[in-house]
N, C-alpha and C. Protein backbone atom coordinates (compact mmCIF):
# COMPACT_ATOMS: atom_id res chain seq x y z
N CYS A 1 -0.41 -44.35 -24.51
CA CYS A 1 0.16 -43.08 -24.09
C CYS A 1 -0.32 -41.97 -25.02
N SER A 2 -0.51 -40.82 -24.44
CA SER A 2 -0.97 -39.68 -25.24
C SER A 2 0.15 -39.11 -26.08
N THR A 3 -0.22 -38.55 -27.21
CA THR A 3 0.74 -37.82 -28.04
C THR A 3 0.18 -36.42 -28.26
N GLY A 4 1.04 -35.51 -28.53
CA GLY A 4 0.58 -34.15 -28.74
C GLY A 4 0.82 -33.30 -27.51
N PRO A 5 0.74 -32.01 -27.69
CA PRO A 5 1.11 -31.10 -26.60
C PRO A 5 0.07 -31.01 -25.49
N PHE A 6 0.58 -30.77 -24.30
CA PHE A 6 -0.20 -30.38 -23.12
C PHE A 6 -1.25 -31.40 -22.68
N GLN A 7 -0.96 -32.69 -22.81
CA GLN A 7 -1.89 -33.72 -22.38
C GLN A 7 -1.37 -34.48 -21.16
N GLN A 8 -0.32 -33.97 -20.53
CA GLN A 8 0.34 -34.71 -19.46
C GLN A 8 -0.60 -35.09 -18.31
N SER A 9 -1.48 -34.19 -17.91
CA SER A 9 -2.31 -34.48 -16.73
C SER A 9 -3.30 -35.62 -16.98
N SER A 10 -3.63 -35.90 -18.23
CA SER A 10 -4.55 -37.01 -18.53
C SER A 10 -3.85 -38.20 -19.18
N ASP A 11 -2.54 -38.12 -19.35
CA ASP A 11 -1.77 -39.19 -19.99
C ASP A 11 -1.45 -40.28 -18.97
N PRO A 12 -1.92 -41.51 -19.18
CA PRO A 12 -1.64 -42.57 -18.21
C PRO A 12 -0.16 -42.95 -18.15
N CYS A 13 0.62 -42.55 -19.16
CA CYS A 13 2.05 -42.87 -19.17
C CYS A 13 2.91 -41.77 -18.57
N ALA A 14 2.36 -40.59 -18.32
CA ALA A 14 3.12 -39.48 -17.73
C ALA A 14 3.22 -39.69 -16.22
N ILE A 15 4.44 -39.64 -15.69
CA ILE A 15 4.68 -39.89 -14.27
C ILE A 15 4.82 -38.55 -13.54
N PRO A 16 3.99 -38.32 -12.51
CA PRO A 16 4.11 -37.08 -11.74
C PRO A 16 5.49 -36.98 -11.08
N ILE A 17 6.12 -35.79 -11.20
CA ILE A 17 7.45 -35.56 -10.63
C ILE A 17 7.50 -34.23 -9.90
N TYR A 18 8.53 -34.10 -9.06
CA TYR A 18 8.86 -32.83 -8.40
C TYR A 18 10.37 -32.70 -8.45
N HIS A 19 10.86 -31.60 -8.99
CA HIS A 19 12.31 -31.36 -9.07
C HIS A 19 12.85 -31.06 -7.68
N ASN A 20 13.89 -31.80 -7.28
CA ASN A 20 14.52 -31.62 -5.98
C ASN A 20 16.04 -31.43 -6.15
N THR A 21 16.45 -30.96 -7.33
CA THR A 21 17.86 -30.74 -7.62
C THR A 21 18.31 -29.42 -7.02
N ASP A 22 19.37 -29.45 -6.24
CA ASP A 22 19.92 -28.24 -5.62
C ASP A 22 21.04 -27.72 -6.51
N VAL A 23 20.81 -26.59 -7.18
CA VAL A 23 21.82 -26.00 -8.06
C VAL A 23 21.97 -24.51 -7.73
N PRO A 24 23.16 -23.94 -7.99
CA PRO A 24 23.35 -22.51 -7.74
C PRO A 24 22.65 -21.64 -8.79
N PHE A 25 22.58 -20.35 -8.52
CA PHE A 25 21.87 -19.41 -9.39
C PHE A 25 22.42 -19.36 -10.81
N VAL A 26 23.66 -19.79 -11.03
CA VAL A 26 24.24 -19.75 -12.38
C VAL A 26 23.55 -20.74 -13.33
N TYR A 27 22.73 -21.62 -12.80
CA TYR A 27 21.97 -22.57 -13.61
C TYR A 27 20.62 -21.95 -14.00
N ALA A 28 20.66 -20.78 -14.60
CA ALA A 28 19.43 -20.04 -14.90
C ALA A 28 18.47 -20.82 -15.78
N GLU A 29 18.99 -21.49 -16.82
CA GLU A 29 18.10 -22.25 -17.70
C GLU A 29 17.39 -23.35 -16.94
N TYR A 30 18.16 -24.15 -16.19
CA TYR A 30 17.54 -25.24 -15.44
C TYR A 30 16.52 -24.70 -14.45
N LEU A 31 16.90 -23.68 -13.69
CA LEU A 31 16.00 -23.12 -12.68
C LEU A 31 14.72 -22.58 -13.29
N SER A 32 14.80 -22.04 -14.50
CA SER A 32 13.60 -21.54 -15.18
C SER A 32 12.75 -22.68 -15.73
N TRP A 33 13.40 -23.62 -16.41
CA TRP A 33 12.66 -24.69 -17.08
C TRP A 33 12.07 -25.72 -16.13
N LYS A 34 12.58 -25.83 -14.91
CA LYS A 34 12.00 -26.80 -13.98
C LYS A 34 10.67 -26.30 -13.39
N GLN A 35 10.41 -25.01 -13.49
CA GLN A 35 9.17 -24.45 -12.96
C GLN A 35 7.97 -25.05 -13.69
N GLN A 36 7.03 -25.56 -12.93
CA GLN A 36 5.80 -26.17 -13.47
C GLN A 36 6.07 -27.34 -14.41
N ASP A 37 7.23 -27.97 -14.27
CA ASP A 37 7.50 -29.23 -14.97
C ASP A 37 7.06 -30.33 -14.02
N ASN A 38 5.84 -30.80 -14.19
CA ASN A 38 5.20 -31.68 -13.22
C ASN A 38 5.10 -33.14 -13.64
N TYR A 39 5.56 -33.46 -14.85
CA TYR A 39 5.44 -34.83 -15.35
C TYR A 39 6.69 -35.24 -16.12
N LEU A 40 7.05 -36.51 -15.97
CA LEU A 40 8.09 -37.12 -16.80
C LEU A 40 7.34 -37.84 -17.91
N ASP A 41 7.57 -37.41 -19.15
CA ASP A 41 6.78 -37.92 -20.27
C ASP A 41 7.56 -37.69 -21.57
N PHE A 42 6.95 -38.04 -22.67
CA PHE A 42 7.57 -37.88 -23.98
C PHE A 42 6.84 -36.84 -24.83
N GLU A 43 6.17 -35.90 -24.19
CA GLU A 43 5.35 -34.93 -24.91
C GLU A 43 6.00 -33.56 -25.08
N GLY A 44 7.18 -33.33 -24.54
CA GLY A 44 7.81 -32.02 -24.64
C GLY A 44 7.41 -31.12 -23.49
N ALA A 45 7.45 -29.82 -23.72
CA ALA A 45 7.16 -28.85 -22.67
C ALA A 45 5.71 -28.98 -22.20
N GLU A 46 5.50 -28.63 -20.94
CA GLU A 46 4.15 -28.59 -20.39
C GLU A 46 3.57 -27.19 -20.58
N GLU A 47 2.25 -27.11 -20.55
CA GLU A 47 1.57 -25.87 -20.89
C GLU A 47 2.06 -24.67 -20.07
N LYS A 48 2.26 -24.84 -18.78
CA LYS A 48 2.67 -23.73 -17.92
C LYS A 48 4.12 -23.83 -17.47
N GLN A 49 4.89 -24.70 -18.13
CA GLN A 49 6.29 -24.88 -17.75
C GLN A 49 7.07 -23.59 -18.00
N GLY A 50 8.04 -23.33 -17.13
CA GLY A 50 8.83 -22.11 -17.22
C GLY A 50 9.58 -21.97 -18.53
N THR A 51 9.88 -20.72 -18.86
CA THR A 51 10.68 -20.40 -20.04
C THR A 51 11.95 -19.68 -19.57
N HIS A 52 12.95 -19.65 -20.43
CA HIS A 52 14.18 -18.92 -20.12
C HIS A 52 14.48 -17.97 -21.27
N ASP A 53 14.48 -16.68 -20.97
CA ASP A 53 14.69 -15.65 -22.00
C ASP A 53 13.77 -15.88 -23.20
N GLY A 54 12.53 -16.30 -22.92
CA GLY A 54 11.54 -16.53 -23.96
C GLY A 54 11.60 -17.90 -24.61
N ALA A 55 12.62 -18.69 -24.29
CA ALA A 55 12.76 -20.03 -24.89
C ALA A 55 12.03 -21.06 -24.04
N VAL A 56 11.21 -21.88 -24.70
CA VAL A 56 10.50 -22.94 -23.98
C VAL A 56 11.42 -24.14 -23.80
N ALA A 57 11.13 -24.93 -22.79
CA ALA A 57 11.87 -26.17 -22.55
C ALA A 57 11.49 -27.20 -23.60
N PHE A 58 12.35 -28.21 -23.77
CA PHE A 58 12.05 -29.31 -24.68
C PHE A 58 11.46 -30.49 -23.93
N GLY A 59 11.29 -30.35 -22.64
CA GLY A 59 10.81 -31.41 -21.77
C GLY A 59 11.38 -31.20 -20.39
N THR A 60 11.64 -32.28 -19.67
CA THR A 60 12.22 -32.18 -18.34
C THR A 60 13.70 -31.81 -18.46
N PRO A 61 14.10 -30.67 -17.86
CA PRO A 61 15.49 -30.23 -18.00
C PRO A 61 16.44 -31.01 -17.10
N LEU A 62 17.70 -31.01 -17.50
CA LEU A 62 18.78 -31.61 -16.72
C LEU A 62 19.81 -30.53 -16.41
N ALA A 63 20.58 -30.75 -15.35
CA ALA A 63 21.64 -29.82 -14.95
C ALA A 63 22.99 -30.50 -15.14
N TYR A 64 23.95 -29.78 -15.69
CA TYR A 64 25.31 -30.28 -15.86
C TYR A 64 25.91 -30.54 -14.49
N SER A 65 26.69 -31.64 -14.36
CA SER A 65 27.30 -31.95 -13.07
C SER A 65 28.70 -32.52 -13.22
N THR A 66 29.42 -32.50 -12.11
CA THR A 66 30.74 -33.11 -12.02
C THR A 66 30.89 -33.71 -10.62
N ASN A 67 31.87 -34.57 -10.47
CA ASN A 67 32.18 -35.12 -9.14
C ASN A 67 33.30 -34.34 -8.46
N ASP A 68 33.77 -33.27 -9.06
CA ASP A 68 34.82 -32.41 -8.50
C ASP A 68 34.20 -31.48 -7.47
N ASN A 69 34.45 -31.76 -6.17
CA ASN A 69 33.77 -30.99 -5.13
C ASN A 69 34.26 -29.56 -4.98
N THR A 70 35.22 -29.13 -5.79
CA THR A 70 35.65 -27.73 -5.78
C THR A 70 34.98 -26.93 -6.89
N ALA A 71 34.23 -27.58 -7.75
CA ALA A 71 33.58 -26.92 -8.89
C ALA A 71 32.15 -26.50 -8.55
N VAL A 72 31.70 -25.41 -9.14
CA VAL A 72 30.33 -24.93 -8.93
C VAL A 72 29.31 -25.96 -9.42
N GLU A 73 29.70 -26.80 -10.38
CA GLU A 73 28.80 -27.81 -10.95
C GLU A 73 28.76 -29.10 -10.13
N TYR A 74 29.45 -29.14 -9.01
CA TYR A 74 29.52 -30.36 -8.19
C TYR A 74 28.13 -30.78 -7.73
N GLN A 75 27.88 -32.08 -7.83
CA GLN A 75 26.66 -32.69 -7.31
C GLN A 75 27.05 -33.95 -6.55
N PRO A 76 26.61 -34.10 -5.30
CA PRO A 76 27.01 -35.26 -4.51
C PRO A 76 26.55 -36.61 -5.07
N TYR A 77 25.50 -36.63 -5.87
CA TYR A 77 25.07 -37.89 -6.48
C TYR A 77 26.00 -38.33 -7.60
N ASN A 78 26.79 -37.42 -8.13
CA ASN A 78 27.68 -37.74 -9.24
C ASN A 78 28.99 -38.30 -8.71
N LYS A 79 29.12 -39.62 -8.79
CA LYS A 79 30.36 -40.32 -8.42
C LYS A 79 31.13 -40.73 -9.68
N TYR A 80 30.70 -40.25 -10.83
CA TYR A 80 31.11 -40.84 -12.10
C TYR A 80 32.08 -39.99 -12.91
N GLY A 81 32.21 -38.70 -12.62
CA GLY A 81 33.15 -37.86 -13.34
C GLY A 81 32.52 -36.59 -13.86
N PRO A 82 33.27 -35.81 -14.63
CA PRO A 82 32.72 -34.58 -15.20
C PRO A 82 31.82 -34.87 -16.40
N GLY A 83 30.93 -33.96 -16.67
CA GLY A 83 30.14 -34.05 -17.90
C GLY A 83 28.89 -34.90 -17.83
N TYR A 84 28.36 -35.13 -16.64
CA TYR A 84 27.11 -35.87 -16.52
C TYR A 84 25.97 -34.88 -16.30
N TRP A 85 24.87 -35.09 -17.00
CA TRP A 85 23.69 -34.25 -16.87
C TRP A 85 22.70 -34.98 -15.98
N MET A 86 22.07 -34.26 -15.06
CA MET A 86 21.24 -34.95 -14.07
C MET A 86 20.06 -34.11 -13.60
N ALA A 87 19.13 -34.79 -12.97
CA ALA A 87 18.03 -34.16 -12.24
C ALA A 87 17.71 -35.07 -11.07
N VAL A 88 17.50 -34.47 -9.92
CA VAL A 88 17.03 -35.22 -8.76
C VAL A 88 15.52 -35.00 -8.73
N LEU A 89 14.79 -36.09 -8.90
CA LEU A 89 13.34 -36.00 -9.00
C LEU A 89 12.67 -36.84 -7.92
N LYS A 90 11.67 -36.28 -7.28
CA LYS A 90 10.76 -37.08 -6.48
C LYS A 90 9.65 -37.45 -7.44
N MET A 91 9.27 -38.72 -7.43
CA MET A 91 8.27 -39.15 -8.39
C MET A 91 7.33 -40.19 -7.81
N ASP A 92 6.20 -40.35 -8.46
CA ASP A 92 5.19 -41.31 -8.05
C ASP A 92 5.57 -42.67 -8.64
N CYS A 93 6.29 -43.47 -7.85
CA CYS A 93 6.77 -44.77 -8.33
C CYS A 93 5.65 -45.76 -8.60
N SER A 94 4.45 -45.50 -8.08
CA SER A 94 3.34 -46.40 -8.36
C SER A 94 2.94 -46.33 -9.84
N LYS A 95 3.36 -45.28 -10.54
CA LYS A 95 3.06 -45.14 -11.97
C LYS A 95 4.09 -45.86 -12.84
N ALA A 96 5.17 -46.33 -12.23
CA ALA A 96 6.20 -47.06 -12.97
C ALA A 96 5.80 -48.53 -13.09
N GLU A 97 6.30 -49.19 -14.10
CA GLU A 97 5.99 -50.61 -14.32
C GLU A 97 6.92 -51.47 -13.49
N GLN A 98 6.40 -52.03 -12.41
CA GLN A 98 7.18 -52.84 -11.47
C GLN A 98 8.42 -52.08 -11.00
N GLY A 99 8.27 -50.75 -10.84
CA GLY A 99 9.36 -49.92 -10.34
C GLY A 99 10.32 -49.41 -11.40
N TRP A 100 10.06 -49.67 -12.67
CA TRP A 100 10.94 -49.23 -13.77
C TRP A 100 10.17 -48.31 -14.71
N PHE A 101 10.87 -47.34 -15.30
CA PHE A 101 10.24 -46.39 -16.22
C PHE A 101 11.22 -46.01 -17.33
N GLU A 102 10.69 -45.52 -18.43
CA GLU A 102 11.51 -45.20 -19.60
C GLU A 102 11.92 -43.72 -19.62
N VAL A 103 13.14 -43.49 -20.11
CA VAL A 103 13.63 -42.13 -20.36
C VAL A 103 14.41 -42.12 -21.67
N LYS A 104 14.48 -40.95 -22.27
CA LYS A 104 15.23 -40.79 -23.52
C LYS A 104 15.68 -39.34 -23.58
N GLY A 105 16.89 -39.14 -24.09
CA GLY A 105 17.42 -37.79 -24.20
C GLY A 105 16.92 -37.05 -25.42
N TYR A 106 16.80 -35.74 -25.26
CA TYR A 106 16.48 -34.84 -26.37
C TYR A 106 17.37 -33.63 -26.19
N GLU A 107 18.26 -33.39 -27.15
CA GLU A 107 19.24 -32.32 -26.95
C GLU A 107 18.77 -30.95 -27.43
N SER A 108 18.30 -30.86 -28.63
CA SER A 108 17.83 -29.59 -29.20
C SER A 108 17.14 -29.92 -30.52
N PRO A 109 16.40 -28.96 -31.08
CA PRO A 109 15.78 -29.26 -32.38
C PRO A 109 16.81 -29.62 -33.46
N ASP A 110 18.02 -29.07 -33.36
CA ASP A 110 19.05 -29.39 -34.35
C ASP A 110 19.50 -30.85 -34.26
N ILE A 111 19.58 -31.37 -33.05
CA ILE A 111 20.05 -32.74 -32.83
C ILE A 111 18.88 -33.70 -32.67
N GLY A 112 17.89 -33.30 -31.90
CA GLY A 112 16.68 -34.09 -31.72
C GLY A 112 16.83 -35.20 -30.68
N TRP A 113 16.01 -36.22 -30.88
CA TRP A 113 15.97 -37.34 -29.94
C TRP A 113 17.24 -38.17 -30.02
N GLU A 114 17.61 -38.70 -28.90
CA GLU A 114 18.68 -39.70 -28.82
C GLU A 114 18.24 -40.91 -29.64
N GLY A 115 19.20 -41.59 -30.25
CA GLY A 115 18.88 -42.79 -31.02
C GLY A 115 18.38 -43.93 -30.13
N ASP A 116 17.80 -44.92 -30.75
CA ASP A 116 17.31 -46.09 -30.01
C ASP A 116 18.47 -46.83 -29.36
N VAL A 117 18.20 -47.42 -28.21
CA VAL A 117 19.22 -48.21 -27.50
C VAL A 117 18.66 -49.59 -27.20
N LYS A 118 19.56 -50.52 -26.94
CA LYS A 118 19.17 -51.87 -26.51
C LYS A 118 19.84 -52.09 -25.16
N GLN A 119 19.06 -51.91 -24.12
CA GLN A 119 19.59 -52.00 -22.76
C GLN A 119 19.50 -53.42 -22.24
N GLY A 120 20.57 -53.87 -21.64
CA GLY A 120 20.58 -55.19 -21.01
C GLY A 120 20.52 -55.04 -19.51
N SER A 121 21.28 -55.85 -18.83
CA SER A 121 21.35 -55.80 -17.37
C SER A 121 22.22 -54.62 -16.95
N CYS A 122 21.81 -53.93 -15.90
CA CYS A 122 22.55 -52.77 -15.39
C CYS A 122 23.51 -53.20 -14.29
N SER A 123 24.67 -52.56 -14.26
CA SER A 123 25.62 -52.77 -13.16
C SER A 123 25.26 -51.82 -12.02
N GLY A 124 26.07 -51.80 -10.98
CA GLY A 124 25.86 -50.88 -9.86
C GLY A 124 25.42 -51.59 -8.60
N ALA A 125 25.35 -50.85 -7.51
CA ALA A 125 24.99 -51.40 -6.21
C ALA A 125 23.61 -52.06 -6.21
N ILE A 126 22.69 -51.51 -7.00
CA ILE A 126 21.36 -52.11 -7.13
C ILE A 126 21.30 -52.94 -8.40
N GLY A 127 21.77 -52.37 -9.52
CA GLY A 127 21.80 -53.09 -10.79
C GLY A 127 20.46 -53.66 -11.18
N GLY A 128 20.50 -54.68 -12.01
CA GLY A 128 19.28 -55.39 -12.36
C GLY A 128 18.88 -55.22 -13.81
N THR A 129 17.83 -55.94 -14.15
CA THR A 129 17.29 -55.93 -15.50
C THR A 129 15.83 -55.51 -15.44
N ALA A 130 15.45 -54.60 -16.30
CA ALA A 130 14.06 -54.14 -16.34
C ALA A 130 13.14 -55.29 -16.70
N PRO A 131 11.89 -55.27 -16.22
CA PRO A 131 10.95 -56.35 -16.50
C PRO A 131 10.32 -56.27 -17.89
N PHE A 132 10.74 -55.31 -18.69
CA PHE A 132 10.23 -55.17 -20.05
C PHE A 132 11.37 -54.63 -20.92
N SER A 133 11.21 -54.74 -22.23
CA SER A 133 12.24 -54.20 -23.13
C SER A 133 11.70 -52.94 -23.79
N SER A 134 12.61 -52.14 -24.29
CA SER A 134 12.25 -50.86 -24.89
C SER A 134 13.38 -50.39 -25.79
N ILE A 135 13.08 -49.45 -26.66
CA ILE A 135 14.11 -48.79 -27.47
C ILE A 135 14.69 -47.59 -26.72
N ASN A 136 14.19 -47.35 -25.51
CA ASN A 136 14.63 -46.24 -24.66
C ASN A 136 15.44 -46.77 -23.48
N HIS A 137 16.09 -45.88 -22.75
CA HIS A 137 16.71 -46.27 -21.49
C HIS A 137 15.59 -46.62 -20.52
N ILE A 138 15.87 -47.54 -19.61
CA ILE A 138 14.88 -47.92 -18.60
C ILE A 138 15.53 -47.71 -17.24
N ALA A 139 14.90 -46.87 -16.42
CA ALA A 139 15.45 -46.48 -15.13
C ALA A 139 14.68 -47.12 -13.98
N LYS A 140 15.35 -47.29 -12.86
CA LYS A 140 14.76 -47.88 -11.66
C LYS A 140 14.32 -46.75 -10.74
N CYS A 141 13.08 -46.76 -10.35
CA CYS A 141 12.54 -45.73 -9.46
C CYS A 141 13.23 -45.81 -8.09
N GLY A 142 13.54 -44.65 -7.50
CA GLY A 142 14.15 -44.60 -6.19
C GLY A 142 15.65 -44.82 -6.17
N ALA A 143 16.28 -44.80 -7.34
CA ALA A 143 17.71 -45.08 -7.44
C ALA A 143 18.42 -44.00 -8.25
N VAL A 144 19.73 -44.02 -8.20
CA VAL A 144 20.55 -43.18 -9.08
C VAL A 144 20.77 -43.98 -10.35
N ASN A 145 20.27 -43.49 -11.46
CA ASN A 145 20.38 -44.16 -12.75
C ASN A 145 21.36 -43.39 -13.63
N VAL A 146 22.31 -44.10 -14.23
CA VAL A 146 23.33 -43.47 -15.06
C VAL A 146 23.28 -44.10 -16.45
N PHE A 147 23.12 -43.25 -17.46
CA PHE A 147 23.07 -43.71 -18.84
C PHE A 147 24.07 -42.92 -19.67
N THR A 148 24.49 -43.50 -20.77
CA THR A 148 25.35 -42.82 -21.74
C THR A 148 24.55 -42.63 -23.01
N TRP A 149 24.59 -41.42 -23.55
CA TRP A 149 23.85 -41.07 -24.77
C TRP A 149 24.12 -42.10 -25.86
N GLY A 150 23.06 -42.69 -26.39
CA GLY A 150 23.16 -43.62 -27.51
C GLY A 150 23.67 -45.00 -27.17
N SER A 151 23.85 -45.30 -25.90
CA SER A 151 24.41 -46.59 -25.47
C SER A 151 23.39 -47.33 -24.61
N GLY A 152 23.42 -48.65 -24.69
CA GLY A 152 22.55 -49.48 -23.87
C GLY A 152 23.12 -49.77 -22.49
N SER A 153 24.33 -49.28 -22.21
CA SER A 153 24.91 -49.53 -20.88
C SER A 153 24.19 -48.70 -19.83
N CYS A 154 24.17 -49.21 -18.60
CA CYS A 154 23.46 -48.52 -17.53
C CYS A 154 24.04 -48.90 -16.17
N ILE A 155 23.92 -47.98 -15.24
CA ILE A 155 24.31 -48.20 -13.85
C ILE A 155 23.10 -47.84 -12.99
N VAL A 156 22.77 -48.69 -12.04
CA VAL A 156 21.72 -48.39 -11.08
C VAL A 156 22.34 -48.50 -9.69
N ASP A 157 22.53 -47.34 -9.06
CA ASP A 157 23.15 -47.27 -7.74
C ASP A 157 22.14 -46.80 -6.70
N SER A 158 22.49 -47.02 -5.43
CA SER A 158 21.65 -46.50 -4.37
C SER A 158 21.83 -44.99 -4.26
N ALA A 159 20.77 -44.35 -3.82
CA ALA A 159 20.78 -42.88 -3.70
C ALA A 159 21.61 -42.43 -2.52
């Protein structure tokens, strides 16, 4: 996998994505940072990725969500409660390893990368165990994947 800035288009580990998250205009940061975010990778912002008030993204942005259908933050994929961060992505699953791919949280330069996790078997309607191990979360392509920051627990549900 490539390291360093702006190598996503030639990085064999970067997975092409398209943001398909429906959020209201109050999500200005997410709406700005998703622009030209074309790859899921570990390299940070992309060269032409959107900025918000001059601030660059730290990578693929997420939107705050809740399962409360009366709240502006409501997202129908969130069956899990308030305080979940999410993105609905269309992605090239052929780039995933047997349908599984790695993700890891990055909060801000002050906090940085999420710590290493040891993920086992996932619960949920689809559930399952990734065909490889990693220090990162491992998600199933084409599914709703739910992770907890710093924890190896996971849920893989149908979309």
